[in-house]
Amino acid sequence: MTTHPLLKVEISQLSIAERIQLAEDLWDSILEQQDELPLTDAQKQELNRRLERYQQDRIIGSTWEEVKQRLGCSQ
């Protein structure tokens, strides 16, 4: 049983829907302050590499519709 000291509630006592909502709320609160999450040098280098590759050939990759079609997803 996991009790989070800040929440003062046993997480396992929450319904699945409540736990999902809690996780979503936590993630949303992180996203609101995402500029405070520093990237590592390796992450920066990888992002720069991907951006450079994209700028060289903008047709690399697939549209979302193409991906869904390959996966056999509808809508």
N, C-alpha and C. Protein backbone atom coordinates (compact mmCIF):
# COMPACT_ATOMS: atom_id res chain seq x y z
N MET A 1 0.84 -1.18 0.00
CA MET A 1 0.00 0.00 0.00
C MET A 1 0.88 1.24 0.00
N THR A 2 0.60 2.14 -0.91
CA THR A 2 1.41 3.34 -1.05
C THR A 2 0.61 4.56 -0.63
N THR A 3 1.08 5.21 0.41
CA THR A 3 0.50 6.48 0.83
C THR A 3 1.48 7.56 0.47
N HIS A 4 1.01 8.53 -0.28
CA HIS A 4 1.88 9.64 -0.63
C HIS A 4 1.77 10.67 0.48
N PRO A 5 2.91 11.10 1.04
CA PRO A 5 2.86 12.00 2.20
C PRO A 5 2.19 13.34 1.91
N LEU A 6 2.27 13.82 0.69
CA LEU A 6 1.63 15.09 0.38
C LEU A 6 0.13 14.94 0.19
N LEU A 7 -0.30 13.77 -0.27
CA LEU A 7 -1.72 13.57 -0.53
C LEU A 7 -2.46 13.06 0.70
N LYS A 8 -1.73 12.41 1.59
CA LYS A 8 -2.31 11.84 2.80
C LYS A 8 -3.48 10.91 2.48
N VAL A 9 -3.28 10.11 1.43
CA VAL A 9 -4.28 9.15 1.02
C VAL A 9 -3.58 7.90 0.53
N GLU A 10 -4.17 6.76 0.78
CA GLU A 10 -3.62 5.52 0.25
C GLU A 10 -4.00 5.43 -1.21
N ILE A 11 -3.02 5.50 -2.06
CA ILE A 11 -3.28 5.53 -3.50
C ILE A 11 -4.06 4.30 -3.93
N SER A 12 -3.76 3.17 -3.34
CA SER A 12 -4.45 1.93 -3.73
C SER A 12 -5.94 1.97 -3.37
N GLN A 13 -6.34 2.88 -2.51
CA GLN A 13 -7.75 3.00 -2.14
C GLN A 13 -8.54 3.83 -3.15
N LEU A 14 -7.82 4.53 -4.02
CA LEU A 14 -8.50 5.30 -5.06
C LEU A 14 -8.97 4.35 -6.16
N SER A 15 -10.04 4.73 -6.83
CA SER A 15 -10.49 3.93 -7.96
C SER A 15 -9.49 4.08 -9.10
N ILE A 16 -9.56 3.19 -10.06
CA ILE A 16 -8.67 3.29 -11.22
C ILE A 16 -8.88 4.63 -11.91
N ALA A 17 -10.12 5.03 -12.08
CA ALA A 17 -10.40 6.32 -12.72
C ALA A 17 -9.78 7.48 -11.94
N GLU A 18 -9.84 7.42 -10.62
CA GLU A 18 -9.25 8.48 -9.80
C GLU A 18 -7.73 8.49 -9.92
N ARG A 19 -7.12 7.30 -9.98
CA ARG A 19 -5.67 7.23 -10.13
C ARG A 19 -5.24 7.75 -11.49
N ILE A 20 -6.00 7.43 -12.52
CA ILE A 20 -5.69 7.94 -13.86
C ILE A 20 -5.80 9.46 -13.86
N GLN A 21 -6.85 9.98 -13.25
CA GLN A 21 -7.03 11.44 -13.18
C GLN A 21 -5.89 12.08 -12.40
N LEU A 22 -5.47 11.45 -11.32
CA LEU A 22 -4.35 11.97 -10.53
C LEU A 22 -3.08 12.02 -11.37
N ALA A 23 -2.82 10.96 -12.12
CA ALA A 23 -1.64 10.92 -12.99
C ALA A 23 -1.72 12.01 -14.05
N GLU A 24 -2.90 12.18 -14.65
CA GLU A 24 -3.08 13.23 -15.65
C GLU A 24 -2.87 14.62 -15.05
N ASP A 25 -3.41 14.83 -13.86
CA ASP A 25 -3.25 16.12 -13.20
C ASP A 25 -1.79 16.41 -12.88
N LEU A 26 -1.07 15.37 -12.42
CA LEU A 26 0.35 15.53 -12.14
C LEU A 26 1.12 15.88 -13.42
N TRP A 27 0.83 15.14 -14.49
CA TRP A 27 1.52 15.39 -15.76
C TRP A 27 1.22 16.81 -16.26
N ASP A 28 -0.05 17.21 -16.19
CA ASP A 28 -0.41 18.56 -16.63
C ASP A 28 0.34 19.62 -15.83
N SER A 29 0.50 19.40 -14.53
CA SER A 29 1.21 20.38 -13.71
C SER A 29 2.68 20.45 -14.09
N ILE A 30 3.26 19.34 -14.55
CA ILE A 30 4.65 19.34 -15.01
C ILE A 30 4.75 20.09 -16.33
N LEU A 31 3.80 19.83 -17.23
CA LEU A 31 3.82 20.49 -18.53
C LEU A 31 3.70 22.00 -18.42
N GLU A 32 3.00 22.47 -17.40
CA GLU A 32 2.85 23.91 -17.21
C GLU A 32 4.18 24.57 -16.88
N GLN A 33 5.13 23.78 -16.38
CA GLN A 33 6.44 24.32 -16.01
C GLN A 33 7.56 23.60 -16.76
N GLN A 34 7.27 23.17 -17.99
CA GLN A 34 8.24 22.37 -18.73
C GLN A 34 9.53 23.11 -19.03
N ASP A 35 9.49 24.43 -19.04
CA ASP A 35 10.72 25.19 -19.28
C ASP A 35 11.72 25.02 -18.14
N GLU A 36 11.27 24.49 -17.02
CA GLU A 36 12.16 24.25 -15.88
C GLU A 36 12.83 22.88 -15.95
N LEU A 37 12.47 22.08 -16.96
CA LEU A 37 13.07 20.76 -17.14
C LEU A 37 14.26 20.87 -18.09
N PRO A 38 15.46 20.84 -17.56
CA PRO A 38 16.62 21.01 -18.43
C PRO A 38 16.86 19.76 -19.29
N LEU A 39 17.32 19.99 -20.51
CA LEU A 39 17.70 18.89 -21.38
C LEU A 39 19.17 18.56 -21.14
N THR A 40 19.51 17.29 -21.29
CA THR A 40 20.92 16.91 -21.21
C THR A 40 21.59 17.32 -22.51
N ASP A 41 22.91 17.35 -22.51
CA ASP A 41 23.63 17.67 -23.74
C ASP A 41 23.32 16.66 -24.83
N ALA A 42 23.20 15.39 -24.45
CA ALA A 42 22.89 14.34 -25.43
C ALA A 42 21.51 14.58 -26.05
N GLN A 43 20.53 14.98 -25.24
CA GLN A 43 19.19 15.26 -25.75
C GLN A 43 19.21 16.46 -26.70
N LYS A 44 19.96 17.50 -26.35
CA LYS A 44 20.07 18.68 -27.21
C LYS A 44 20.71 18.31 -28.54
N GLN A 45 21.77 17.50 -28.48
CA GLN A 45 22.45 17.08 -29.71
C GLN A 45 21.51 16.27 -30.60
N GLU A 46 20.74 15.39 -30.00
CA GLU A 46 19.81 14.57 -30.78
C GLU A 46 18.72 15.43 -31.41
N LEU A 47 18.18 16.36 -30.67
CA LEU A 47 17.16 17.26 -31.23
C LEU A 47 17.74 18.09 -32.37
N ASN A 48 18.95 18.59 -32.20
CA ASN A 48 19.59 19.36 -33.26
C ASN A 48 19.84 18.50 -34.49
N ARG A 49 20.24 17.24 -34.29
CA ARG A 49 20.48 16.33 -35.41
C ARG A 49 19.18 16.09 -36.18
N ARG A 50 18.10 15.85 -35.45
CA ARG A 50 16.80 15.60 -36.09
C ARG A 50 16.30 16.84 -36.83
N LEU A 51 16.46 18.01 -36.24
CA LEU A 51 16.03 19.25 -36.89
C LEU A 51 16.83 19.49 -38.16
N GLU A 52 18.14 19.27 -38.10
CA GLU A 52 18.99 19.46 -39.28
C GLU A 52 18.58 18.49 -40.39
N ARG A 53 18.32 17.25 -40.02
CA ARG A 53 17.91 16.26 -41.04
C ARG A 53 16.57 16.65 -41.66
N TYR A 54 15.66 17.12 -40.85
CA TYR A 54 14.36 17.56 -41.35
C TYR A 54 14.53 18.76 -42.30
N GLN A 55 15.36 19.70 -41.93
CA GLN A 55 15.55 20.89 -42.75
C GLN A 55 16.22 20.55 -44.09
N GLN A 56 17.02 19.50 -44.12
CA GLN A 56 17.66 19.08 -45.37
C GLN A 56 16.66 18.44 -46.32
N ASP A 57 15.73 17.68 -45.79
CA ASP A 57 14.77 16.97 -46.63
C ASP A 57 13.44 16.92 -45.90
N ARG A 58 12.61 17.91 -46.13
CA ARG A 58 11.37 18.06 -45.38
C ARG A 58 10.34 16.97 -45.65
N ILE A 59 10.58 16.08 -46.60
CA ILE A 59 9.60 15.03 -46.86
C ILE A 59 9.93 13.73 -46.13
N ILE A 60 10.97 13.75 -45.28
CA ILE A 60 11.28 12.57 -44.48
C ILE A 60 10.14 12.38 -43.46
N GLY A 61 9.72 11.18 -43.32
CA GLY A 61 8.69 10.89 -42.34
C GLY A 61 7.35 10.61 -43.00
N SER A 62 6.35 10.44 -42.18
CA SER A 62 5.01 10.10 -42.65
C SER A 62 3.99 11.00 -41.98
N THR A 63 2.90 11.21 -42.67
CA THR A 63 1.80 11.95 -42.05
C THR A 63 1.11 11.02 -41.05
N TRP A 64 0.34 11.60 -40.16
CA TRP A 64 -0.41 10.81 -39.19
C TRP A 64 -1.37 9.86 -39.90
N GLU A 65 -1.98 10.34 -40.96
CA GLU A 65 -2.91 9.50 -41.72
C GLU A 65 -2.20 8.30 -42.31
N GLU A 66 -0.98 8.49 -42.84
CA GLU A 66 -0.20 7.38 -43.40
C GLU A 66 0.16 6.36 -42.34
N VAL A 67 0.54 6.84 -41.18
CA VAL A 67 0.88 5.94 -40.08
C VAL A 67 -0.32 5.12 -39.66
N LYS A 68 -1.48 5.78 -39.50
CA LYS A 68 -2.68 5.05 -39.11
C LYS A 68 -3.05 4.00 -40.16
N GLN A 69 -2.89 4.34 -41.43
CA GLN A 69 -3.22 3.40 -42.51
C GLN A 69 -2.28 2.19 -42.45
N ARG A 70 -0.99 2.40 -42.24
CA ARG A 70 -0.05 1.29 -42.14
C ARG A 70 -0.39 0.38 -40.95
N LEU A 71 -0.85 0.99 -39.88
CA LEU A 71 -1.18 0.21 -38.69
C LEU A 71 -2.56 -0.45 -38.77
N GLY A 72 -3.29 -0.10 -39.82
CA GLY A 72 -4.63 -0.67 -39.99
C GLY A 72 -5.66 -0.04 -39.07
N CYS A 73 -5.40 1.17 -38.64
CA CYS A 73 -6.33 1.88 -37.76
C CYS A 73 -7.35 2.64 -38.60
N SER A 74 -8.53 2.70 -38.11
CA SER A 74 -9.53 3.53 -38.78
C SER A 74 -9.79 4.75 -37.93
N GLN A 75 -9.73 5.91 -38.56
CA GLN A 75 -9.95 7.21 -37.92
C GLN A 75 -9.07 7.30 -36.75
